[in-house]
Every structure is written in structure tokens, then in C-alpha cells.
C-alpha atoms as a PDB file:
ATOM      1  CA  MET A   1      33.352  -6.809  -1.252  1.00  0.00           C
ATOM      2  CA  VAL A   2      35.947  -7.061  -4.024  1.00  0.00           C
ATOM      3  CA  LYS A   3      36.617  -3.915  -6.013  1.00  0.00           C
ATOM      4  CA  PHE A   4      37.571  -4.177  -9.676  1.00  0.00           C
ATOM      5  CA  THR A   5      40.012  -1.897 -11.428  1.00  0.00           C
ATOM      6  CA  SER A   6      39.145  -0.624 -14.886  1.00  0.00           C
ATOM      7  CA  GLU A   7      42.172  -2.530 -16.190  1.00  0.00           C
ATOM      8  CA  ASN A   8      40.772  -5.827 -14.883  1.00  0.00           C
ATOM      9  CA  ALA A   9      37.325  -4.983 -16.172  1.00  0.00           C
ATOM     10  CA  LEU A  10      38.539  -4.386 -19.706  1.00  0.00           C
ATOM     11  CA  LYS A  11      40.708  -7.480 -19.622  1.00  0.00           C
ATOM     12  CA  ASN A  12      37.916  -9.720 -18.376  1.00  0.00           C
ATOM     13  CA  ASN A  13      35.200  -8.583 -20.739  1.00  0.00           C
ATOM     14  CA  LYS A  14      37.138  -8.878 -23.960  1.00  0.00           C
ATOM     15  CA  ASN A  15      35.666 -12.360 -23.975  1.00  0.00           C
ATOM     16  CA  ASP A  16      33.039 -14.205 -21.959  1.00  0.00           C
ATOM     17  CA  ILE A  17      33.241 -14.410 -18.148  1.00  0.00           C
ATOM     18  CA  PRO A  18      36.328 -16.488 -17.283  1.00  0.00           C
ATOM     19  CA  GLN A  19      35.754 -19.484 -15.056  1.00  0.00           C
ATOM     20  CA  ALA A  20      38.465 -18.108 -12.773  1.00  0.00           C
ATOM     21  CA  ALA A  21      36.176 -15.203 -11.909  1.00  0.00           C
ATOM     22  CA  LYS A  22      34.753 -17.092  -8.928  1.00  0.00           C
ATOM     23  CA  GLU A  23      38.178 -17.019  -7.237  1.00  0.00           C
ATOM     24  CA  ASN A  24      38.043 -13.210  -7.158  1.00  0.00           C
ATOM     25  CA  LEU A  25      34.504 -12.866  -5.782  1.00  0.00           C
ATOM     26  CA  PRO A  26      34.384 -14.019  -2.161  1.00  0.00           C
ATOM     27  CA  HIS A  27      31.265 -13.177  -0.134  1.00  0.00           C
ATOM     28  CA  LEU A  28      29.407 -11.840  -3.167  1.00  0.00           C
ATOM     29  CA  HIS A  29      26.036 -10.375  -2.141  1.00  0.00           C
ATOM     30  CA  THR A  30      24.994  -8.218  -5.105  1.00  0.00           C
ATOM     31  CA  VAL A  31      25.351  -8.354  -8.878  1.00  0.00           C
ATOM     32  CA  ILE A  32      24.362  -5.593 -11.299  1.00  0.00           C
ATOM     33  CA  LEU A  33      23.344  -6.491 -14.869  1.00  0.00           C
ATOM     34  CA  VAL A  34      23.939  -3.913 -17.592  1.00  0.00           C
ATOM     35  CA  GLY A  35      23.557  -3.820 -21.359  1.00  0.00           C
ATOM     36  CA  PHE A  36      21.523  -2.603 -24.301  1.00  0.00           C
ATOM     37  CA  MET A  37      17.796  -3.107 -24.782  1.00  0.00           C
ATOM     38  CA  GLY A  38      17.009  -6.711 -25.645  1.00  0.00           C
ATOM     39  CA  ALA A  39      20.069  -8.019 -23.799  1.00  0.00           C
ATOM     40  CA  GLY A  40      17.905  -9.844 -21.248  1.00  0.00           C
ATOM     41  CA  LYS A  41      18.775  -7.863 -18.119  1.00  0.00           C
ATOM     42  CA  SER A  42      15.303  -8.141 -16.579  1.00  0.00           C
ATOM     43  CA  SER A  43      14.439 -11.667 -17.725  1.00  0.00           C
ATOM     44  CA  VAL A  44      17.848 -13.101 -16.837  1.00  0.00           C
ATOM     45  CA  GLY A  45      17.915 -11.096 -13.615  1.00  0.00           C
ATOM     46  CA  ARG A  46      14.606 -12.533 -12.429  1.00  0.00           C
ATOM     47  CA  VAL A  47      15.620 -16.115 -13.156  1.00  0.00           C
ATOM     48  CA  LEU A  48      19.071 -15.588 -11.636  1.00  0.00           C
ATOM     49  CA  ALA A  49      17.579 -14.124  -8.458  1.00  0.00           C
ATOM     50  CA  THR A  50      14.988 -16.912  -8.205  1.00  0.00           C
ATOM     51  CA  GLN A  51      17.615 -19.627  -8.537  1.00  0.00           C
ATOM     52  CA  LEU A  52      19.834 -17.964  -5.939  1.00  0.00           C
ATOM     53  CA  GLY A  53      17.004 -17.066  -3.591  1.00  0.00           C
ATOM     54  CA  TRP A  54      18.063 -13.434  -3.834  1.00  0.00           C
ATOM     55  CA  ARG A  55      15.967 -10.294  -4.141  1.00  0.00           C
ATOM     56  CA  PHE A  56      15.519  -8.910  -7.670  1.00  0.00           C
ATOM     57  CA  VAL A  57      15.232  -5.211  -8.504  1.00  0.00           C
ATOM     58  CA  ASP A  58      14.548  -3.780 -11.954  1.00  0.00           C
ATOM     59  CA  LEU A  59      15.629  -0.137 -11.601  1.00  0.00           C
ATOM     60  CA  ASP A  60      13.301   1.143 -14.336  1.00  0.00           C
ATOM     61  CA  GLN A  61      10.314  -0.581 -12.722  1.00  0.00           C
ATOM     62  CA  ARG A  62      11.315   0.822  -9.338  1.00  0.00           C
ATOM     63  CA  ILE A  63      11.305   4.343 -10.810  1.00  0.00           C
ATOM     64  CA  GLU A  64       7.932   3.714 -12.459  1.00  0.00           C
ATOM     65  CA  ARG A  65       6.421   2.697  -9.121  1.00  0.00           C
ATOM     66  CA  LEU A  66       7.907   5.729  -7.370  1.00  0.00           C
ATOM     67  CA  GLU A  67       6.708   8.167 -10.039  1.00  0.00           C
ATOM     68  CA  GLY A  68       3.401   6.508 -10.910  1.00  0.00           C
ATOM     69  CA  LYS A  69       4.119   6.593 -14.639  1.00  0.00           C
ATOM     70  CA  SER A  70       6.089   4.640 -17.219  1.00  0.00           C
ATOM     71  CA  VAL A  71       9.635   5.484 -18.253  1.00  0.00           C
ATOM     72  CA  ALA A  72       8.316   6.526 -21.665  1.00  0.00           C
ATOM     73  CA  GLU A  73       5.828   8.892 -20.005  1.00  0.00           C
ATOM     74  CA  ILE A  74       8.567  10.352 -17.804  1.00  0.00           C
ATOM     75  CA  PHE A  75      10.725  11.001 -20.869  1.00  0.00           C
ATOM     76  CA  ARG A  76       7.828  12.702 -22.649  1.00  0.00           C
ATOM     77  CA  SER A  77       6.694  14.849 -19.738  1.00  0.00           C
ATOM     78  CA  CYS A  78       9.979  15.578 -17.965  1.00  0.00           C
ATOM     79  CA  GLY A  79      12.741  14.983 -20.505  1.00  0.00           C
ATOM     80  CA  GLU A  80      15.797  12.745 -20.365  1.00  0.00           C
ATOM     81  CA  GLU A  81      17.812  14.996 -18.047  1.00  0.00           C
ATOM     82  CA  LYS A  82      15.151  14.793 -15.328  1.00  0.00           C
ATOM     83  CA  PHE A  83      14.812  11.041 -15.808  1.00  0.00           C
ATOM     84  CA  ARG A  84      18.575  10.555 -15.410  1.00  0.00           C
ATOM     85  CA  ARG A  85      18.427  12.420 -12.092  1.00  0.00           C
ATOM     86  CA  MET A  86      15.571  10.171 -10.961  1.00  0.00           C
ATOM     87  CA  GLU A  87      17.585   7.145 -12.068  1.00  0.00           C
ATOM     88  CA  LEU A  88      20.661   8.213 -10.101  1.00  0.00           C
ATOM     89  CA  ASP A  89      18.602   9.043  -7.000  1.00  0.00           C
ATOM     90  CA  ALA A  90      16.770   5.718  -7.155  1.00  0.00           C
ATOM     91  CA  LEU A  91      20.006   3.750  -7.463  1.00  0.00           C
ATOM     92  CA  GLN A  92      21.703   5.707  -4.659  1.00  0.00           C
ATOM     93  CA  THR A  93      18.760   5.015  -2.360  1.00  0.00           C
ATOM     94  CA  LEU A  94      18.653   1.340  -3.291  1.00  0.00           C
ATOM     95  CA  LEU A  95      22.384   0.785  -2.770  1.00  0.00           C
ATOM     96  CA  SER A  96      22.354   2.652   0.541  1.00  0.00           C
ATOM     97  CA  LYS A  97      19.735   0.241   1.891  1.00  0.00           C
ATOM     98  CA  LEU A  98      21.274  -3.027   0.706  1.00  0.00           C
ATOM     99  CA  HIS A  99      23.690  -3.656   3.571  1.00  0.00           C
ATOM    100  CA  ASP A 100      24.136  -7.444   3.538  1.00  0.00           C
ATOM    101  CA  ASP A 101      21.015  -8.146   1.466  1.00  0.00           C
ATOM    102  CA  ARG A 102      21.582 -10.471  -1.461  1.00  0.00           C
ATOM    103  CA  CYS A 103      20.313  -8.771  -4.602  1.00  0.00           C
ATOM    104  CA  VAL A 104      20.374  -8.910  -8.401  1.00  0.00           C
ATOM    105  CA  ILE A 105      19.867  -5.472  -9.918  1.00  0.00           C
ATOM    106  CA  ALA A 106      18.963  -4.846 -13.578  1.00  0.00           C
ATOM    107  CA  LEU A 107      19.740  -1.363 -14.871  1.00  0.00           C
ATOM    108  CA  GLY A 108      17.963   0.379 -17.738  1.00  0.00           C
ATOM    109  CA  GLY A 109      19.750   0.359 -21.079  1.00  0.00           C
ATOM    110  CA  GLY A 110      21.081   3.905 -20.770  1.00  0.00           C
ATOM    111  CA  ALA A 111      21.970   3.876 -17.079  1.00  0.00           C
ATOM    112  CA  PHE A 112      25.465   2.405 -16.960  1.00  0.00           C
ATOM    113  CA  VAL A 113      26.769   4.732 -19.676  1.00  0.00           C
ATOM    114  CA  GLN A 114      25.918   7.739 -17.495  1.00  0.00           C
ATOM    115  CA  ASP A 115      29.136   8.827 -15.770  1.00  0.00           C
ATOM    116  CA  PRO A 116      27.558   9.535 -12.338  1.00  0.00           C
ATOM    117  CA  ILE A 117      25.967   6.088 -12.226  1.00  0.00           C
ATOM    118  CA  ALA A 118      29.114   4.312 -13.381  1.00  0.00           C
ATOM    119  CA  ALA A 119      31.111   6.206 -10.736  1.00  0.00           C
ATOM    120  CA  LEU A 120      28.567   5.377  -8.026  1.00  0.00           C
ATOM    121  CA  ILE A 121      28.710   1.665  -8.792  1.00  0.00           C
ATOM    122  CA  LYS A 122      32.502   1.664  -9.033  1.00  0.00           C
ATOM    123  CA  ALA A 123      32.728   3.251  -5.580  1.00  0.00           C
ATOM    124  CA  THR A 124      30.647   0.427  -4.067  1.00  0.00           C
ATOM    125  CA  GLY A 125      32.811  -2.328  -5.526  1.00  0.00           C
ATOM    126  CA  ILE A 126      29.714  -4.217  -6.678  1.00  0.00           C
ATOM    127  CA  PRO A 127      30.565  -6.307  -9.765  1.00  0.00           C
ATOM    128  CA  THR A 128      28.733  -5.550 -12.999  1.00  0.00           C
ATOM    129  CA  VAL A 129      28.000  -7.982 -15.812  1.00  0.00           C
ATOM    130  CA  PHE A 130      27.517  -6.715 -19.363  1.00  0.00           C
ATOM    131  CA  LEU A 131      24.978  -8.964 -21.100  1.00  0.00           C
ATOM    132  CA  ASP A 132      25.809  -8.753 -24.792  1.00  0.00           C
ATOM    133  CA  ALA A 133      24.749 -10.179 -28.149  1.00  0.00           C
ATOM    134  CA  GLU A 134      25.006  -9.267 -31.803  1.00  0.00           C
ATOM    135  CA  VAL A 135      23.032  -6.113 -32.502  1.00  0.00           C
ATOM    136  CA  GLU A 136      20.801  -7.873 -35.040  1.00  0.00           C
ATOM    137  CA  GLU A 137      19.749 -10.401 -32.408  1.00  0.00           C
ATOM    138  CA  LEU A 138      19.078  -7.608 -29.893  1.00  0.00           C
ATOM    139  CA  LEU A 139      16.918  -5.853 -32.466  1.00  0.00           C
ATOM    140  CA  ALA A 140      15.006  -9.053 -33.268  1.00  0.00           C
ATOM    141  CA  ARG A 141      14.350  -9.703 -29.566  1.00  0.00           C
ATOM    142  CA  CYS A 142      13.022  -6.173 -29.064  1.00  0.00           C
ATOM    143  CA  GLN A 143      10.816  -6.380 -32.145  1.00  0.00           C
ATOM    144  CA  GLU A 144       9.362  -9.703 -30.981  1.00  0.00           C
ATOM    145  CA  GLU A 145       8.665  -8.307 -27.507  1.00  0.00           C
ATOM    146  CA  SER A 146       7.036  -5.242 -29.035  1.00  0.00           C
ATOM    147  CA  ARG A 147       4.768  -7.453 -31.160  1.00  0.00           C
ATOM    148  CA  ARG A 148       3.784  -9.559 -28.140  1.00  0.00           C
ATOM    149  CA  GLN A 149       2.948  -6.478 -26.101  1.00  0.00           C
ATOM    150  CA  GLY A 150       1.224  -4.705 -28.973  1.00  0.00           C
ATOM    151  CA  SER A 151       3.357  -1.643 -28.322  1.00  0.00           C
ATOM    152  CA  LYS A 152       5.363   0.655 -30.574  1.00  0.00           C
ATOM    153  CA  ARG A 153       8.853   1.914 -29.885  1.00  0.00           C
ATOM    154  CA  PRO A 154      10.082   4.545 -32.360  1.00  0.00           C
ATOM    155  CA  LEU A 155      13.662   3.269 -32.174  1.00  0.00           C
ATOM    156  CA  LEU A 156      12.553  -0.152 -33.444  1.00  0.00           C
ATOM    157  CA  GLU A 157      11.033   1.439 -36.542  1.00  0.00           C
ATOM    158  CA  THR A 158      14.438   2.839 -37.522  1.00  0.00           C
ATOM    159  CA  PRO A 159      16.884  -0.092 -37.299  1.00  0.00           C
ATOM    160  CA  ASP A 160      19.839   2.044 -38.355  1.00  0.00           C
ATOM    161  CA  ASN A 161      19.306   4.305 -35.348  1.00  0.00           C
ATOM    162  CA  PHE A 162      19.015   1.231 -33.115  1.00  0.00           C
ATOM    163  CA  ARG A 163      22.367  -0.031 -34.400  1.00  0.00           C
ATOM    164  CA  LYS A 164      24.020   3.381 -34.044  1.00  0.00           C
ATOM    165  CA  LEU A 165      22.841   3.787 -30.459  1.00  0.00           C
ATOM    166  CA  TYR A 166      24.131   0.314 -29.589  1.00  0.00           C
ATOM    167  CA  GLU A 167      27.551   1.096 -31.062  1.00  0.00           C
ATOM    168  CA  THR A 168      27.623   4.433 -29.227  1.00  0.00           C
ATOM    169  CA  ARG A 169      26.858   2.837 -25.868  1.00  0.00           C
ATOM    170  CA  ARG A 170      28.902  -0.356 -26.208  1.00  0.00           C
ATOM    171  CA  PRO A 171      32.252   1.179 -25.109  1.00  0.00           C
ATOM    172  CA  GLY A 172      30.543   2.252 -21.885  1.00  0.00           C
ATOM    173  CA  TYR A 173      29.112  -1.228 -21.328  1.00  0.00           C
ATOM    174  CA  LEU A 174      32.584  -2.701 -21.821  1.00  0.00           C
ATOM    175  CA  LYS A 175      33.700  -0.919 -18.657  1.00  0.00           C
ATOM    176  CA  ALA A 176      31.660  -3.466 -16.709  1.00  0.00           C
ATOM    177  CA  SER A 177      33.525  -5.970 -14.537  1.00  0.00           C
ATOM    178  CA  PHE A 178      32.640  -8.830 -16.867  1.00  0.00           C
ATOM    179  CA  ARG A 179      31.002  -9.440 -20.215  1.00  0.00           C
ATOM    180  CA  LYS A 180      28.560 -12.336 -20.783  1.00  0.00           C
ATOM    181  CA  GLU A 181      27.663 -13.419 -24.302  1.00  0.00           C
ATOM    182  CA  THR A 182      23.931 -14.206 -24.555  1.00  0.00           C
ATOM    183  CA  GLY A 183      23.527 -14.784 -28.280  1.00  0.00           C
ATOM    184  CA  GLY A 184      21.421 -17.830 -29.159  1.00  0.00           C
ATOM    185  CA  LYS A 185      20.978 -18.814 -25.502  1.00  0.00           C
ATOM    186  CA  ALA A 186      17.854 -19.350 -23.404  1.00  0.00           C
ATOM    187  CA  VAL A 187      17.308 -17.220 -20.312  1.00  0.00           C
ATOM    188  CA  LYS A 188      17.794 -20.114 -17.871  1.00  0.00           C
ATOM    189  CA  GLU A 189      20.977 -21.185 -19.654  1.00  0.00           C
ATOM    190  CA  ILE A 190      22.421 -17.697 -19.255  1.00  0.00           C
ATOM    191  CA  ALA A 191      21.461 -17.583 -15.574  1.00  0.00           C
ATOM    192  CA  ASP A 192      23.000 -21.021 -14.958  1.00  0.00           C
ATOM    193  CA  GLU A 193      26.225 -19.947 -16.650  1.00  0.00           C
ATOM    194  CA  LEU A 194      26.394 -16.785 -14.552  1.00  0.00           C
ATOM    195  CA  ILE A 195      25.937 -18.773 -11.346  1.00  0.00           C
ATOM    196  CA  GLU A 196      28.721 -21.144 -12.342  1.00  0.00           C
ATOM    197  CA  ALA A 197      31.113 -18.469 -13.612  1.00  0.00           C
ATOM    198  CA  LEU A 198      30.677 -16.230 -10.565  1.00  0.00           C
ATOM    199  CA  GLY A 199      30.891 -19.100  -8.096  1.00  0.00           C
ATOM    200  CA  LEU A 200      27.448 -18.485  -6.603  1.00  0.00           C
ATOM    201  CA  ASP A 201      25.318 -20.977  -4.664  1.00  0.00           C
ATOM    202  CA  LYS A 202      21.718 -21.896  -5.390  1.00  0.00           C
ATOM    203  CA  GLY A 203      19.002 -22.526  -2.864  1.00  0.00           C
ATOM    204  CA  LEU A 204      18.957 -19.663  -0.347  1.00  0.00           C
ATOM    205  CA  ALA A 205      15.546 -18.545   0.942  1.00  0.00           C
ATOM    206  CA  ARG A 206      14.087 -16.104  -1.516  1.00  0.00           C
ATOM    207  CA  THR A 207      13.559 -12.576  -0.218  1.00  0.00           C
ATOM    208  CA  GLY A 208      11.301 -11.367  -3.026  1.00  0.00           C
ATOM    209  CA  GLU A 209      11.295  -8.445  -5.438  1.00  0.00           C
ATOM    210  CA  ASN A 210      11.169  -4.736  -4.711  1.00  0.00           C
END
């Protein structure tokens, strides 16, 4: 699998994914989606995996199943440091079992900016795609989702803190192999553009979600 240097990563994600990206990604079996909350990692990941016939894994949901509690509950009861260890362990285990499986992986919003996780992914050579949009659109998406679910997220009640956290994390996201602009686009449109830009093929037998 192709490995990307940090120089290429920064060059490629200054703008949207270049169409030439497909020439550098032969035999691609796994893609990792990264980005801030509201970027569409899970929703785009599911559609992308369905269209490709690949397996889809949401790392946060995988941790929730393993621990029997939500990420929010883990943060409250165990703290962020313990959660980050769980996150790293879960990703290490997942990547060690992939082999030649075709898989789309969606990371939690804070995962890729953790140095151990970024280093782990870099060592595998698996390409990462930073799904990005203007921070105001990300905030609006999260607020709409929160209203639909009838849930409350403290960060959404303090928009300035939401914006500051996004700006703090964005330099880490920009270390991804590629950046994909999602502003004003539907989920399927984003997935279609990723398939085209990365030179992937639709229609393989779907292997499900885990």
C-alpha cells in the first residue's frame, strides 16, 4: 500500500483532493476519514462503504460496543486520558486484523490529532482524508443533529468554544493525506466525489459493518 510523506500530505490538502490522486493509490483497500464534529465522517463513511461494497467501521461506535457505554459516559466516568488509551487500543486491534479486507474507517473528532494515533496510521501507509467545511456550517450541522436527537452537547451551547476547538485541531487534520471540502454538499455527492478522486470502483460484494 502506498505510503504518503508529510510533504505530500500538506501539498495535497491545501486544496480539494486532486484528480491525479488516483494515480498514486494502486490496490487501495482501506481509507480513513478524519475531521471535526459535523464533518460527516460517519454519514459519508457509511455511504462510501455501501457504494464500494466495503466494510464500514465507526471507531467511536466500536469502542462503545466494547465498553458497553457511550463515549460521553466514558469521558465522565473514566476521563479523557483513559478514553484516548481505549481509542488507540481499539484502532491498533482493528488495523491488525484488516489484512486484505476492504474497509472505510471513520475516526472520532479528536482521534487523528493524538500523536500516537497519527503515528500508528502513518506507519501503516493507509491514506487519510480530512473532511472539512467552514466552522459555521459544522456548528449548524451539529446543532441540527442535536435537535433531531433531542440531546444536549455542552460544546454546542458555547459556539466560541466550538470555533476555538476547531481552530486548535485543524492543523492536525491538515496532516492527513488529502483534504476534501464538504461545504454545501449532500452526503452521497461527497461519497461519489471521493470514489472518483481516489480512483475506486463501485459494486464489490458488501462485507458489512463491524
